[in-house]
């Protein structure tokens, strides 16, 4: 793995001779984080892999015009989040399903996830997260799993810090209620 900074990689990306190398380094640097972010939103491994590919294809096409007024990581998360939300919305439209049914389908995928079968508490947490509205679920995942600061989340989601804090607070309350049954 390279020790290049994002700025150095972006500089190399703008050079025709090192463009592919620089992009591969950026992918290597962020691919796993992007995958897990997407996977937590769509649950299904195959869907997550497809969305990671789509995210990096869009990044490849858009990197030329990337202004360094945000971090590459934040920009990639914004692309990935939008791809996930589009994917989930298309799924609802394609099957004429209300959001509850899509969440039910995702929950049934969780039930068959081998890595969660042994860990009942993690399974319950994942089901609780799936019971949240999409926005709260996204905010909770970014904050809890990715430990993203509210300021970065604000860039990714285009929402005020105050609204994000409120969403996270409501999400935590709903998850606690789901897990404890109160």
Protein backbone atom coordinates (compact mmCIF):
# COMPACT_ATOMS: atom_id res chain seq x y z
CA UNK A 1 0.00 0.00 0.00
CA UNK A 2 1.30 3.43 -0.84
CA UNK A 3 1.96 6.13 1.68
CA UNK A 4 0.79 8.84 -0.70
CA UNK A 5 -1.55 11.50 0.58
CA UNK A 6 -4.80 12.10 -1.25
CA UNK A 7 -3.36 15.35 -2.63
CA UNK A 8 -0.35 13.52 -4.05
CA UNK A 9 -2.61 10.87 -5.58
CA UNK A 10 -4.86 13.52 -7.09
CA UNK A 11 -1.81 15.22 -8.57
CA UNK A 12 -0.71 11.89 -10.07
CA UNK A 13 -4.25 11.27 -11.33
CA UNK A 14 -4.10 14.49 -13.33
CA UNK A 15 -0.95 13.25 -15.08
CA UNK A 16 -1.81 10.95 -18.03
CA UNK A 17 1.22 8.68 -17.35
CA UNK A 18 0.31 8.00 -13.71
CA UNK A 19 -3.49 8.37 -13.88
CA UNK A 20 -4.37 4.65 -13.65
CA UNK A 21 -1.81 3.96 -10.95
CA UNK A 22 -3.06 6.86 -8.83
CA UNK A 23 -6.68 5.77 -9.17
CA UNK A 24 -5.77 2.18 -8.23
CA UNK A 25 -4.01 3.52 -5.13
CA UNK A 26 -7.09 5.57 -4.19
CA UNK A 27 -9.29 2.51 -4.68
CA UNK A 28 -7.04 0.37 -2.53
CA UNK A 29 -7.01 3.03 0.14
CA UNK A 30 -10.80 3.38 0.36
CA UNK A 31 -12.39 0.29 -1.18
CA UNK A 32 -12.85 -1.64 2.07
CA UNK A 33 -14.32 1.34 3.95
CA UNK A 34 -16.69 2.08 1.07
CA UNK A 35 -17.69 -1.60 0.85
CA UNK A 36 -18.62 -1.84 4.54
CA UNK A 37 -20.50 1.46 4.42
CA UNK A 38 -22.54 0.20 1.45
CA UNK A 39 -22.97 -3.29 2.91
CA UNK A 40 -24.49 -1.89 6.11
CA UNK A 41 -27.02 0.01 4.01
CA UNK A 42 -28.03 -2.70 1.51
CA UNK A 43 -27.09 -5.84 3.55
CA UNK A 44 -26.67 -8.10 0.52
CA UNK A 45 -23.03 -8.88 -0.38
CA UNK A 46 -23.61 -9.07 -4.15
CA UNK A 47 -25.56 -5.80 -4.19
CA UNK A 48 -22.80 -4.20 -2.11
CA UNK A 49 -20.11 -5.38 -4.54
CA UNK A 50 -22.09 -4.01 -7.50
CA UNK A 51 -22.58 -0.67 -5.74
CA UNK A 52 -18.87 -0.44 -4.84
CA UNK A 53 -18.08 -0.89 -8.53
CA UNK A 54 -20.63 1.75 -9.52
CA UNK A 55 -19.26 4.12 -6.88
CA UNK A 56 -15.70 3.81 -8.16
CA UNK A 57 -16.79 4.08 -11.81
CA UNK A 58 -18.51 7.37 -10.94
CA UNK A 59 -15.44 8.43 -8.97
CA UNK A 60 -13.21 7.66 -11.98
CA UNK A 61 -15.43 9.80 -14.21
CA UNK A 62 -15.74 12.63 -11.70
CA UNK A 63 -12.24 12.78 -10.26
CA UNK A 64 -11.03 15.06 -13.08
CA UNK A 65 -13.35 17.78 -11.79
CA UNK A 66 -12.87 17.04 -8.08
CA UNK A 67 -12.18 20.27 -6.25
CA UNK A 68 -10.23 19.66 -3.11
CA UNK A 69 -12.70 21.59 -0.97
CA UNK A 70 -13.67 18.32 0.69
CA UNK A 71 -11.72 15.15 1.40
CA UNK A 72 -11.65 12.35 -1.19
CA UNK A 73 -13.02 10.03 1.50
CA UNK A 74 -16.02 12.33 2.13
CA UNK A 75 -16.64 12.68 -1.60
CA UNK A 76 -16.56 8.88 -2.11
CA UNK A 77 -18.98 8.39 0.80
CA UNK A 78 -21.36 10.89 -0.77
CA UNK A 79 -21.29 8.98 -4.06
CA UNK A 80 -21.69 5.63 -2.25
CA UNK A 81 -24.55 6.88 -0.08
CA UNK A 82 -26.41 8.29 -3.09
CA UNK A 83 -25.90 5.01 -4.97
CA UNK A 84 -27.31 3.06 -2.01
CA UNK A 85 -30.35 5.29 -1.67
CA UNK A 86 -30.99 5.07 -5.42
CA UNK A 87 -30.61 1.28 -5.28
CA UNK A 88 -33.07 0.94 -2.38
CA UNK A 89 -35.56 3.29 -4.06
CA UNK A 90 -35.32 1.39 -7.34
CA UNK A 91 -35.92 -1.84 -5.48
CA UNK A 92 -39.10 -0.38 -3.97
CA UNK A 93 -40.31 0.85 -7.38
CA UNK A 94 -39.36 -2.31 -9.25
CA UNK A 95 -41.36 -4.53 -6.93
CA UNK A 96 -43.98 -1.92 -6.03
CA UNK A 97 -42.96 -2.47 -2.43
CA UNK A 98 -43.51 -0.09 0.43
CA UNK A 99 -40.26 0.62 2.32
CA UNK A 100 -41.35 -1.75 5.11
CA UNK A 101 -41.31 -4.67 2.68
CA UNK A 102 -37.83 -3.81 1.42
CA UNK A 103 -36.65 -3.67 5.02
CA UNK A 104 -38.37 -7.01 5.65
CA UNK A 105 -36.47 -8.48 2.70
CA UNK A 106 -33.18 -7.06 4.04
CA UNK A 107 -33.99 -8.46 7.49
CA UNK A 108 -34.55 -11.93 6.03
CA UNK A 109 -31.11 -11.65 4.36
CA UNK A 110 -29.67 -10.84 7.78
CA UNK A 111 -31.26 -14.02 9.17
CA UNK A 112 -29.25 -16.01 6.63
CA UNK A 113 -25.96 -14.16 7.17
CA UNK A 114 -23.51 -16.77 8.54
CA UNK A 115 -21.31 -14.21 10.30
CA UNK A 116 -24.28 -13.00 12.38
CA UNK A 117 -25.93 -16.33 13.24
CA UNK A 118 -23.61 -16.94 16.19
CA UNK A 119 -23.89 -13.41 17.53
CA UNK A 120 -27.46 -12.82 18.66
CA UNK A 121 -26.83 -9.32 20.03
CA UNK A 122 -25.24 -8.16 16.76
CA UNK A 123 -28.16 -9.74 14.86
CA UNK A 124 -30.63 -7.86 17.08
CA UNK A 125 -28.69 -4.61 16.59
CA UNK A 126 -28.70 -5.06 12.81
CA UNK A 127 -32.45 -5.72 12.80
CA UNK A 128 -32.99 -2.66 15.00
CA UNK A 129 -30.96 -0.55 12.57
CA UNK A 130 -33.02 -1.86 9.64
CA UNK A 131 -36.20 -0.83 11.42
CA UNK A 132 -35.08 2.82 11.29
CA UNK A 133 -36.16 5.23 8.56
CA UNK A 134 -33.51 5.41 5.79
CA UNK A 135 -32.08 8.78 6.85
CA UNK A 136 -31.71 7.77 10.50
CA UNK A 137 -30.21 4.45 9.46
CA UNK A 138 -27.63 6.19 7.29
CA UNK A 139 -26.74 8.70 10.03
CA UNK A 140 -26.50 5.94 12.64
CA UNK A 141 -24.23 3.79 10.43
CA UNK A 142 -21.93 6.68 9.57
CA UNK A 143 -21.61 7.76 13.20
CA UNK A 144 -21.58 4.39 14.99
CA UNK A 145 -19.63 2.21 12.57
CA UNK A 146 -17.55 4.71 10.61
CA UNK A 147 -17.09 7.07 13.58
CA UNK A 148 -17.62 9.95 11.17
CA UNK A 149 -17.73 13.44 12.63
CA UNK A 150 -20.99 15.35 12.21
CA UNK A 151 -19.22 17.98 10.06
CA UNK A 152 -18.10 15.29 7.60
CA UNK A 153 -21.56 13.72 7.64
CA UNK A 154 -22.99 17.13 6.83
CA UNK A 155 -20.83 17.20 3.67
CA UNK A 156 -21.78 13.64 2.71
CA UNK A 157 -25.52 14.00 3.29
CA UNK A 158 -26.01 17.73 2.66
CA UNK A 159 -27.80 18.13 5.99
CA UNK A 160 -27.11 20.51 8.87
CA UNK A 161 -25.06 19.30 11.83
CA UNK A 162 -27.99 20.02 14.19
CA UNK A 163 -30.38 17.90 12.13
CA UNK A 164 -27.82 15.07 12.00
CA UNK A 165 -27.34 15.13 15.77
CA UNK A 166 -31.11 14.98 16.23
CA UNK A 167 -31.39 12.08 13.73
CA UNK A 168 -28.64 10.17 15.51
CA UNK A 169 -30.25 10.79 18.91
CA UNK A 170 -33.64 9.54 17.66
CA UNK A 171 -31.99 6.53 16.02
CA UNK A 172 -30.20 5.57 19.26
CA UNK A 173 -33.47 5.87 21.21
CA UNK A 174 -35.34 3.68 18.71
CA UNK A 175 -32.56 1.08 18.69
CA UNK A 176 -32.49 0.94 22.50
CA UNK A 177 -36.27 0.54 22.53
CA UNK A 178 -36.08 -2.22 19.88
CA UNK A 179 -33.34 -4.13 21.72
CA UNK A 180 -34.81 -3.84 25.21
CA UNK A 181 -38.39 -4.28 24.05
CA UNK A 182 -39.57 -1.21 25.99
